[in-house]
Amino acid sequence: MRSKGLFSKLLVIGWFGSLAGFQVWASAERDFDAAAFESKVKPFLEEYCLSCHNEEKRKGERRFDNLEYPIIDDDALVDFQDILDLLNLGDMPPEDEPQPSDAERQEVIDWMTVAVAHTFESRTITGGETILRRLNHR
């Protein structure tokens, strides 16, 4: 089980990264939906990630063959953020594996940036309602 502290740190890093790339965000927003995940992101993962991060192999204790969009749980959100971070850093795929073109890599980074930000935003929005919290434990 992953710690919430790590989850929070990853989200903060991802959030600041997405703010820095607002122009990228705006262009990716046009092509952002589940169909784009199926046509662009999933084939990218299959070609460059799943040989090492699948049900049998799970290198780095990561499994990406079961990722779906929309992102429905915190573990999947962390997986998407992990992929996004590794692609942004250029750490994955490893140097001895086939590499995506810069355009392919950027297209997936753009899509995942929007996906992670939308998911994070949807989890923090209260719909304009004030949420009352009990401050004592009587």
N, C-alpha and C. Protein backbone atom coordinates (compact mmCIF):
# COMPACT_ATOMS: atom_id res chain seq x y z
N MET A 1 0.84 -1.18 0.00
CA MET A 1 0.00 0.00 0.00
C MET A 1 0.89 1.24 0.00
N ARG A 2 0.53 2.19 -0.77
CA ARG A 2 1.35 3.40 -0.90
C ARG A 2 0.95 4.40 0.17
N SER A 3 1.93 5.16 0.61
CA SER A 3 1.65 6.13 1.66
C SER A 3 0.98 7.37 1.08
N LYS A 4 0.16 8.01 1.90
CA LYS A 4 -0.53 9.22 1.46
C LYS A 4 0.45 10.38 1.31
N GLY A 5 1.55 10.36 2.08
CA GLY A 5 2.55 11.41 1.97
C GLY A 5 3.18 11.42 0.59
N LEU A 6 3.51 10.24 0.08
CA LEU A 6 4.08 10.13 -1.26
C LEU A 6 3.07 10.58 -2.29
N PHE A 7 1.84 10.18 -2.12
CA PHE A 7 0.77 10.57 -3.04
C PHE A 7 0.64 12.08 -3.09
N SER A 8 0.65 12.72 -1.94
CA SER A 8 0.52 14.18 -1.89
C SER A 8 1.70 14.86 -2.56
N LYS A 9 2.91 14.36 -2.31
CA LYS A 9 4.10 14.95 -2.93
C LYS A 9 4.05 14.81 -4.44
N LEU A 10 3.65 13.64 -4.92
CA LEU A 10 3.56 13.44 -6.36
C LEU A 10 2.54 14.36 -6.99
N LEU A 11 1.42 14.54 -6.31
CA LEU A 11 0.40 15.43 -6.85
C LEU A 11 0.88 16.87 -6.88
N VAL A 12 1.59 17.30 -5.85
CA VAL A 12 2.11 18.66 -5.82
C VAL A 12 3.12 18.86 -6.95
N ILE A 13 4.02 17.90 -7.13
CA ILE A 13 5.01 18.00 -8.21
C ILE A 13 4.29 18.05 -9.56
N GLY A 14 3.34 17.18 -9.74
CA GLY A 14 2.59 17.15 -11.00
C GLY A 14 1.80 18.43 -11.23
N TRP A 15 1.23 18.96 -10.17
CA TRP A 15 0.44 20.17 -10.29
C TRP A 15 1.31 21.35 -10.71
N PHE A 16 2.46 21.51 -10.07
CA PHE A 16 3.35 22.60 -10.44
C PHE A 16 3.88 22.42 -11.86
N GLY A 17 4.15 21.18 -12.23
CA GLY A 17 4.59 20.91 -13.60
C GLY A 17 3.53 21.28 -14.61
N SER A 18 2.28 21.00 -14.28
CA SER A 18 1.21 21.33 -15.21
C SER A 18 0.97 22.84 -15.29
N LEU A 19 1.18 23.55 -14.18
CA LEU A 19 1.05 25.00 -14.23
C LEU A 19 2.12 25.63 -15.10
N ALA A 20 3.32 25.07 -15.03
CA ALA A 20 4.42 25.61 -15.83
C ALA A 20 4.18 25.41 -17.32
N GLY A 21 3.45 24.38 -17.67
CA GLY A 21 3.20 24.09 -19.08
C GLY A 21 1.78 24.42 -19.50
N PHE A 22 1.28 25.58 -19.13
CA PHE A 22 -0.11 25.91 -19.41
C PHE A 22 -0.42 25.90 -20.90
N GLN A 23 0.50 26.35 -21.74
CA GLN A 23 0.25 26.34 -23.18
C GLN A 23 0.11 24.91 -23.68
N VAL A 24 0.94 24.03 -23.18
CA VAL A 24 0.84 22.63 -23.55
C VAL A 24 -0.52 22.10 -23.11
N TRP A 25 -0.94 22.49 -21.92
CA TRP A 25 -2.23 22.08 -21.38
C TRP A 25 -3.35 22.49 -22.33
N ALA A 26 -3.32 23.73 -22.78
CA ALA A 26 -4.39 24.24 -23.63
C ALA A 26 -4.48 23.47 -24.94
N SER A 27 -3.35 23.14 -25.54
CA SER A 27 -3.38 22.40 -26.79
C SER A 27 -3.80 20.95 -26.56
N ALA A 28 -3.37 20.36 -25.46
CA ALA A 28 -3.73 18.97 -25.17
C ALA A 28 -5.20 18.86 -24.80
N GLU A 29 -5.77 19.92 -24.26
CA GLU A 29 -7.17 19.92 -23.83
C GLU A 29 -8.10 19.56 -24.98
N ARG A 30 -7.75 19.98 -26.18
CA ARG A 30 -8.62 19.72 -27.33
C ARG A 30 -8.74 18.22 -27.62
N ASP A 31 -7.68 17.47 -27.40
CA ASP A 31 -7.67 16.04 -27.72
C ASP A 31 -7.77 15.17 -26.48
N PHE A 32 -8.37 15.69 -25.43
CA PHE A 32 -8.39 14.98 -24.17
C PHE A 32 -9.71 14.27 -23.96
N ASP A 33 -9.68 12.96 -24.04
CA ASP A 33 -10.85 12.15 -23.72
C ASP A 33 -10.43 10.68 -23.69
N ALA A 34 -11.38 9.81 -23.40
CA ALA A 34 -11.08 8.38 -23.30
C ALA A 34 -10.66 7.82 -24.66
N ALA A 35 -11.21 8.35 -25.74
CA ALA A 35 -10.83 7.87 -27.07
C ALA A 35 -9.36 8.17 -27.35
N ALA A 36 -8.89 9.33 -26.90
CA ALA A 36 -7.48 9.67 -27.07
C ALA A 36 -6.60 8.73 -26.24
N PHE A 37 -7.08 8.34 -25.07
CA PHE A 37 -6.33 7.38 -24.26
C PHE A 37 -6.17 6.07 -25.04
N GLU A 38 -7.26 5.61 -25.62
CA GLU A 38 -7.24 4.34 -26.36
C GLU A 38 -6.40 4.43 -27.63
N SER A 39 -6.43 5.58 -28.30
CA SER A 39 -5.74 5.68 -29.59
C SER A 39 -4.30 6.16 -29.49
N LYS A 40 -3.94 6.89 -28.43
CA LYS A 40 -2.59 7.45 -28.33
C LYS A 40 -1.80 6.90 -27.15
N VAL A 41 -2.39 6.95 -25.97
CA VAL A 41 -1.65 6.61 -24.76
C VAL A 41 -1.48 5.11 -24.60
N LYS A 42 -2.55 4.37 -24.76
CA LYS A 42 -2.48 2.92 -24.57
C LYS A 42 -1.49 2.26 -25.54
N PRO A 43 -1.52 2.61 -26.84
CA PRO A 43 -0.52 2.03 -27.74
C PRO A 43 0.92 2.41 -27.35
N PHE A 44 1.11 3.63 -26.85
CA PHE A 44 2.43 4.06 -26.38
C PHE A 44 2.88 3.17 -25.22
N LEU A 45 1.99 2.96 -24.25
CA LEU A 45 2.31 2.11 -23.11
C LEU A 45 2.62 0.69 -23.56
N GLU A 46 1.82 0.18 -24.49
CA GLU A 46 2.04 -1.18 -24.99
C GLU A 46 3.40 -1.31 -25.66
N GLU A 47 3.79 -0.31 -26.42
CA GLU A 47 5.05 -0.39 -27.16
C GLU A 47 6.28 -0.15 -26.29
N TYR A 48 6.19 0.78 -25.34
CA TYR A 48 7.39 1.20 -24.62
C TYR A 48 7.43 0.83 -23.14
N CYS A 49 6.32 0.40 -22.57
CA CYS A 49 6.29 0.19 -21.11
C CYS A 49 5.91 -1.23 -20.68
N LEU A 50 5.00 -1.84 -21.39
CA LEU A 50 4.40 -3.08 -20.90
C LEU A 50 5.32 -4.30 -20.96
N SER A 51 6.41 -4.23 -21.69
CA SER A 51 7.31 -5.38 -21.70
C SER A 51 7.97 -5.56 -20.33
N CYS A 52 8.05 -4.49 -19.55
CA CYS A 52 8.67 -4.56 -18.21
C CYS A 52 7.68 -4.34 -17.07
N HIS A 53 6.56 -3.70 -17.35
CA HIS A 53 5.61 -3.34 -16.29
C HIS A 53 4.26 -3.98 -16.57
N ASN A 54 4.22 -5.30 -16.46
CA ASN A 54 2.99 -6.04 -16.72
C ASN A 54 2.69 -6.96 -15.55
N GLU A 55 1.68 -7.78 -15.71
CA GLU A 55 1.24 -8.64 -14.61
C GLU A 55 2.34 -9.60 -14.15
N GLU A 56 3.11 -10.14 -15.08
CA GLU A 56 4.15 -11.11 -14.72
C GLU A 56 5.44 -10.45 -14.25
N LYS A 57 5.88 -9.39 -14.92
CA LYS A 57 7.20 -8.84 -14.67
C LYS A 57 7.23 -7.78 -13.55
N ARG A 58 6.42 -6.79 -13.59
CA ARG A 58 6.29 -5.74 -12.57
C ARG A 58 7.62 -5.15 -12.11
N LYS A 59 8.45 -4.74 -13.03
CA LYS A 59 9.73 -4.11 -12.65
C LYS A 59 9.44 -2.86 -11.84
N GLY A 60 10.23 -2.67 -10.80
CA GLY A 60 10.04 -1.52 -9.93
C GLY A 60 8.71 -1.56 -9.20
N GLU A 61 8.14 -2.75 -9.09
CA GLU A 61 6.83 -2.95 -8.46
C GLU A 61 5.75 -2.10 -9.11
N ARG A 62 5.89 -1.90 -10.42
CA ARG A 62 4.91 -1.12 -11.16
C ARG A 62 4.27 -2.00 -12.23
N ARG A 63 2.96 -1.87 -12.32
CA ARG A 63 2.20 -2.61 -13.31
C ARG A 63 1.31 -1.62 -14.05
N PHE A 64 1.52 -1.51 -15.37
CA PHE A 64 0.78 -0.52 -16.15
C PHE A 64 -0.18 -1.15 -17.16
N ASP A 65 -0.22 -2.47 -17.23
CA ASP A 65 -1.09 -3.12 -18.21
C ASP A 65 -2.57 -3.02 -17.85
N ASN A 66 -2.87 -2.66 -16.63
CA ASN A 66 -4.26 -2.59 -16.19
C ASN A 66 -4.77 -1.15 -16.06
N LEU A 67 -4.03 -0.18 -16.59
CA LEU A 67 -4.47 1.21 -16.50
C LEU A 67 -5.64 1.46 -17.45
N GLU A 68 -6.59 2.19 -16.96
CA GLU A 68 -7.77 2.56 -17.74
C GLU A 68 -8.05 4.04 -17.54
N TYR A 69 -8.80 4.60 -18.46
CA TYR A 69 -9.25 5.97 -18.30
C TYR A 69 -10.76 5.98 -18.46
N PRO A 70 -11.50 6.66 -17.61
CA PRO A 70 -11.07 7.63 -16.61
C PRO A 70 -10.42 6.98 -15.39
N ILE A 71 -9.60 7.78 -14.73
CA ILE A 71 -8.88 7.34 -13.54
C ILE A 71 -9.88 7.29 -12.39
N ILE A 72 -10.04 6.11 -11.79
CA ILE A 72 -11.10 5.99 -10.79
C ILE A 72 -10.61 5.80 -9.36
N ASP A 73 -9.34 5.50 -9.16
CA ASP A 73 -8.89 5.33 -7.77
C ASP A 73 -7.51 5.95 -7.58
N ASP A 74 -7.13 6.09 -6.32
CA ASP A 74 -5.87 6.76 -5.98
C ASP A 74 -4.65 6.00 -6.49
N ASP A 75 -4.68 4.68 -6.45
CA ASP A 75 -3.54 3.90 -6.94
C ASP A 75 -3.31 4.14 -8.43
N ALA A 76 -4.38 4.19 -9.20
CA ALA A 76 -4.25 4.46 -10.64
C ALA A 76 -3.74 5.88 -10.87
N LEU A 77 -4.20 6.82 -10.06
CA LEU A 77 -3.73 8.20 -10.18
C LEU A 77 -2.23 8.28 -9.90
N VAL A 78 -1.77 7.56 -8.90
CA VAL A 78 -0.34 7.54 -8.60
C VAL A 78 0.43 6.89 -9.75
N ASP A 79 -0.11 5.83 -10.34
CA ASP A 79 0.55 5.19 -11.48
C ASP A 79 0.67 6.16 -12.66
N PHE A 80 -0.41 6.87 -12.96
CA PHE A 80 -0.36 7.86 -14.05
C PHE A 80 0.68 8.93 -13.73
N GLN A 81 0.71 9.40 -12.49
CA GLN A 81 1.68 10.42 -12.11
C GLN A 81 3.10 9.88 -12.19
N ASP A 82 3.31 8.62 -11.79
CA ASP A 82 4.64 8.00 -11.90
C ASP A 82 5.11 7.97 -13.36
N ILE A 83 4.23 7.54 -14.24
CA ILE A 83 4.58 7.48 -15.66
C ILE A 83 4.91 8.88 -16.16
N LEU A 84 4.08 9.84 -15.81
CA LEU A 84 4.29 11.22 -16.24
C LEU A 84 5.64 11.74 -15.75
N ASP A 85 5.96 11.50 -14.49
CA ASP A 85 7.24 11.96 -13.94
C ASP A 85 8.42 11.31 -14.66
N LEU A 86 8.35 10.00 -14.87
CA LEU A 86 9.45 9.28 -15.52
C LEU A 86 9.63 9.72 -16.97
N LEU A 87 8.53 9.98 -17.66
CA LEU A 87 8.64 10.47 -19.04
C LEU A 87 9.22 11.88 -19.08
N ASN A 88 8.77 12.74 -18.17
CA ASN A 88 9.30 14.11 -18.11
C ASN A 88 10.79 14.12 -17.80
N LEU A 89 11.23 13.23 -16.93
CA LEU A 89 12.64 13.16 -16.57
C LEU A 89 13.48 12.47 -17.65
N GLY A 90 12.83 11.75 -18.55
CA GLY A 90 13.55 11.01 -19.57
C GLY A 90 14.16 9.72 -19.05
N ASP A 91 13.70 9.27 -17.87
CA ASP A 91 14.25 8.06 -17.27
C ASP A 91 13.66 6.78 -17.85
N MET A 92 12.52 6.88 -18.48
CA MET A 92 11.89 5.71 -19.07
C MET A 92 11.47 6.04 -20.49
N PRO A 93 11.51 5.09 -21.36
CA PRO A 93 12.07 3.76 -21.19
C PRO A 93 13.59 3.82 -21.00
N PRO A 94 14.16 2.74 -20.43
CA PRO A 94 15.61 2.71 -20.22
C PRO A 94 16.36 2.85 -21.55
N GLU A 95 17.59 3.29 -21.47
CA GLU A 95 18.39 3.54 -22.68
C GLU A 95 18.57 2.31 -23.56
N ASP A 96 18.58 1.12 -22.95
CA ASP A 96 18.80 -0.10 -23.74
C ASP A 96 17.51 -0.65 -24.36
N GLU A 97 16.42 0.07 -24.21
CA GLU A 97 15.13 -0.33 -24.79
C GLU A 97 14.78 0.63 -25.93
N PRO A 98 13.86 0.21 -26.82
CA PRO A 98 13.43 1.12 -27.90
C PRO A 98 12.88 2.42 -27.32
N GLN A 99 13.20 3.53 -27.98
CA GLN A 99 12.82 4.85 -27.49
C GLN A 99 11.73 5.47 -28.38
N PRO A 100 10.77 6.16 -27.75
CA PRO A 100 9.78 6.89 -28.55
C PRO A 100 10.42 8.14 -29.15
N SER A 101 9.81 8.64 -30.20
CA SER A 101 10.28 9.91 -30.75
C SER A 101 9.92 11.01 -29.76
N ASP A 102 10.56 12.15 -29.91
CA ASP A 102 10.25 13.28 -29.03
C ASP A 102 8.78 13.68 -29.15
N ALA A 103 8.25 13.62 -30.37
CA ALA A 103 6.85 13.98 -30.58
C ALA A 103 5.91 13.00 -29.89
N GLU A 104 6.21 11.70 -30.00
CA GLU A 104 5.39 10.68 -29.32
C GLU A 104 5.41 10.89 -27.82
N ARG A 105 6.61 11.07 -27.29
CA ARG A 105 6.77 11.26 -25.85
C ARG A 105 5.99 12.50 -25.39
N GLN A 106 6.12 13.60 -26.13
CA GLN A 106 5.46 14.84 -25.73
C GLN A 106 3.94 14.72 -25.80
N GLU A 107 3.44 14.01 -26.79
CA GLU A 107 2.00 13.82 -26.93
C GLU A 107 1.43 13.09 -25.71
N VAL A 108 2.13 12.06 -25.25
CA VAL A 108 1.68 11.30 -24.08
C VAL A 108 1.84 12.15 -22.81
N ILE A 109 2.93 12.88 -22.71
CA ILE A 109 3.13 13.77 -21.55
C ILE A 109 2.00 14.79 -21.48
N ASP A 110 1.67 15.39 -22.62
CA ASP A 110 0.59 16.39 -22.65
C ASP A 110 -0.73 15.78 -22.20
N TRP A 111 -1.06 14.61 -22.74
CA TRP A 111 -2.33 13.98 -22.40
C TRP A 111 -2.37 13.61 -20.91
N MET A 112 -1.29 13.02 -20.42
CA MET A 112 -1.26 12.60 -19.01
C MET A 112 -1.28 13.78 -18.05
N THR A 113 -0.65 14.88 -18.44
CA THR A 113 -0.68 16.08 -17.61
C THR A 113 -2.12 16.54 -17.40
N VAL A 114 -2.87 16.57 -18.48
CA VAL A 114 -4.27 16.98 -18.39
C VAL A 114 -5.08 15.95 -17.60
N ALA A 115 -4.85 14.67 -17.86
CA ALA A 115 -5.60 13.61 -17.18
C ALA A 115 -5.39 13.66 -15.67
N VAL A 116 -4.14 13.79 -15.25
CA VAL A 116 -3.84 13.83 -13.82
C VAL A 116 -4.43 15.08 -13.20
N ALA A 117 -4.27 16.21 -13.86
CA ALA A 117 -4.81 17.47 -13.32
C ALA A 117 -6.33 17.43 -13.22
N HIS A 118 -7.00 16.91 -14.25
CA HIS A 118 -8.47 16.81 -14.22
C HIS A 118 -8.92 15.89 -13.09
N THR A 119 -8.24 14.78 -12.94
CA THR A 119 -8.62 13.83 -11.89
C THR A 119 -8.40 14.44 -10.52
N PHE A 120 -7.25 15.07 -10.34
CA PHE A 120 -6.97 15.71 -9.05
C PHE A 120 -8.00 16.80 -8.77
N GLU A 121 -8.30 17.60 -9.77
CA GLU A 121 -9.28 18.68 -9.60
C GLU A 121 -10.66 18.12 -9.26
N SER A 122 -11.05 17.06 -9.93
CA SER A 122 -12.38 16.50 -9.67
C SER A 122 -12.48 15.90 -8.27
N ARG A 123 -11.36 15.51 -7.70
CA ARG A 123 -11.37 14.95 -6.35
C ARG A 123 -11.37 16.04 -5.28
N THR A 124 -11.02 17.26 -5.65
CA THR A 124 -10.95 18.33 -4.66
C THR A 124 -12.12 19.30 -4.75
N ILE A 125 -12.90 19.21 -5.80
CA ILE A 125 -14.04 20.12 -5.97
C ILE A 125 -15.20 19.66 -5.09
N THR A 126 -15.84 20.61 -4.44
CA THR A 126 -16.98 20.28 -3.58
C THR A 126 -18.30 20.67 -4.22
N GLY A 127 -18.28 21.13 -5.45
CA GLY A 127 -19.51 21.51 -6.12
C GLY A 127 -20.10 22.80 -5.58
N GLY A 128 -19.26 23.66 -5.04
CA GLY A 128 -19.73 24.94 -4.52
C GLY A 128 -20.36 24.85 -3.15
N GLU A 129 -20.34 23.68 -2.55
CA GLU A 129 -20.93 23.51 -1.23
C GLU A 129 -19.86 23.59 -0.16
N THR A 130 -20.24 24.17 0.95
CA THR A 130 -19.34 24.20 2.10
C THR A 130 -19.44 22.87 2.81
N ILE A 131 -18.32 22.31 3.11
CA ILE A 131 -18.30 21.04 3.83
C ILE A 131 -18.02 21.34 5.28
N LEU A 132 -18.96 21.00 6.12
CA LEU A 132 -18.79 21.23 7.55
C LEU A 132 -18.09 20.03 8.16
N ARG A 133 -17.11 20.32 8.94
CA ARG A 133 -16.36 19.27 9.61
C ARG A 133 -16.51 19.45 11.12
N ARG A 134 -16.64 18.37 11.79
CA ARG A 134 -16.73 18.41 13.24
C ARG A 134 -15.34 18.64 13.81
N LEU A 135 -15.21 19.62 14.69
CA LEU A 135 -13.90 19.97 15.23
C LEU A 135 -13.62 19.34 16.57
N ASN A 136 -14.61 18.72 17.16
CA ASN A 136 -14.36 18.05 18.44
C ASN A 136 -14.83 16.60 18.34
N HIS A 137 -14.45 15.83 19.29
CA HIS A 137 -14.79 14.40 19.26
C HIS A 137 -15.64 14.02 20.47
N ARG A 138 -16.65 14.78 20.75
CA ARG A 138 -17.50 14.51 21.91
C ARG A 138 -18.43 13.38 21.66
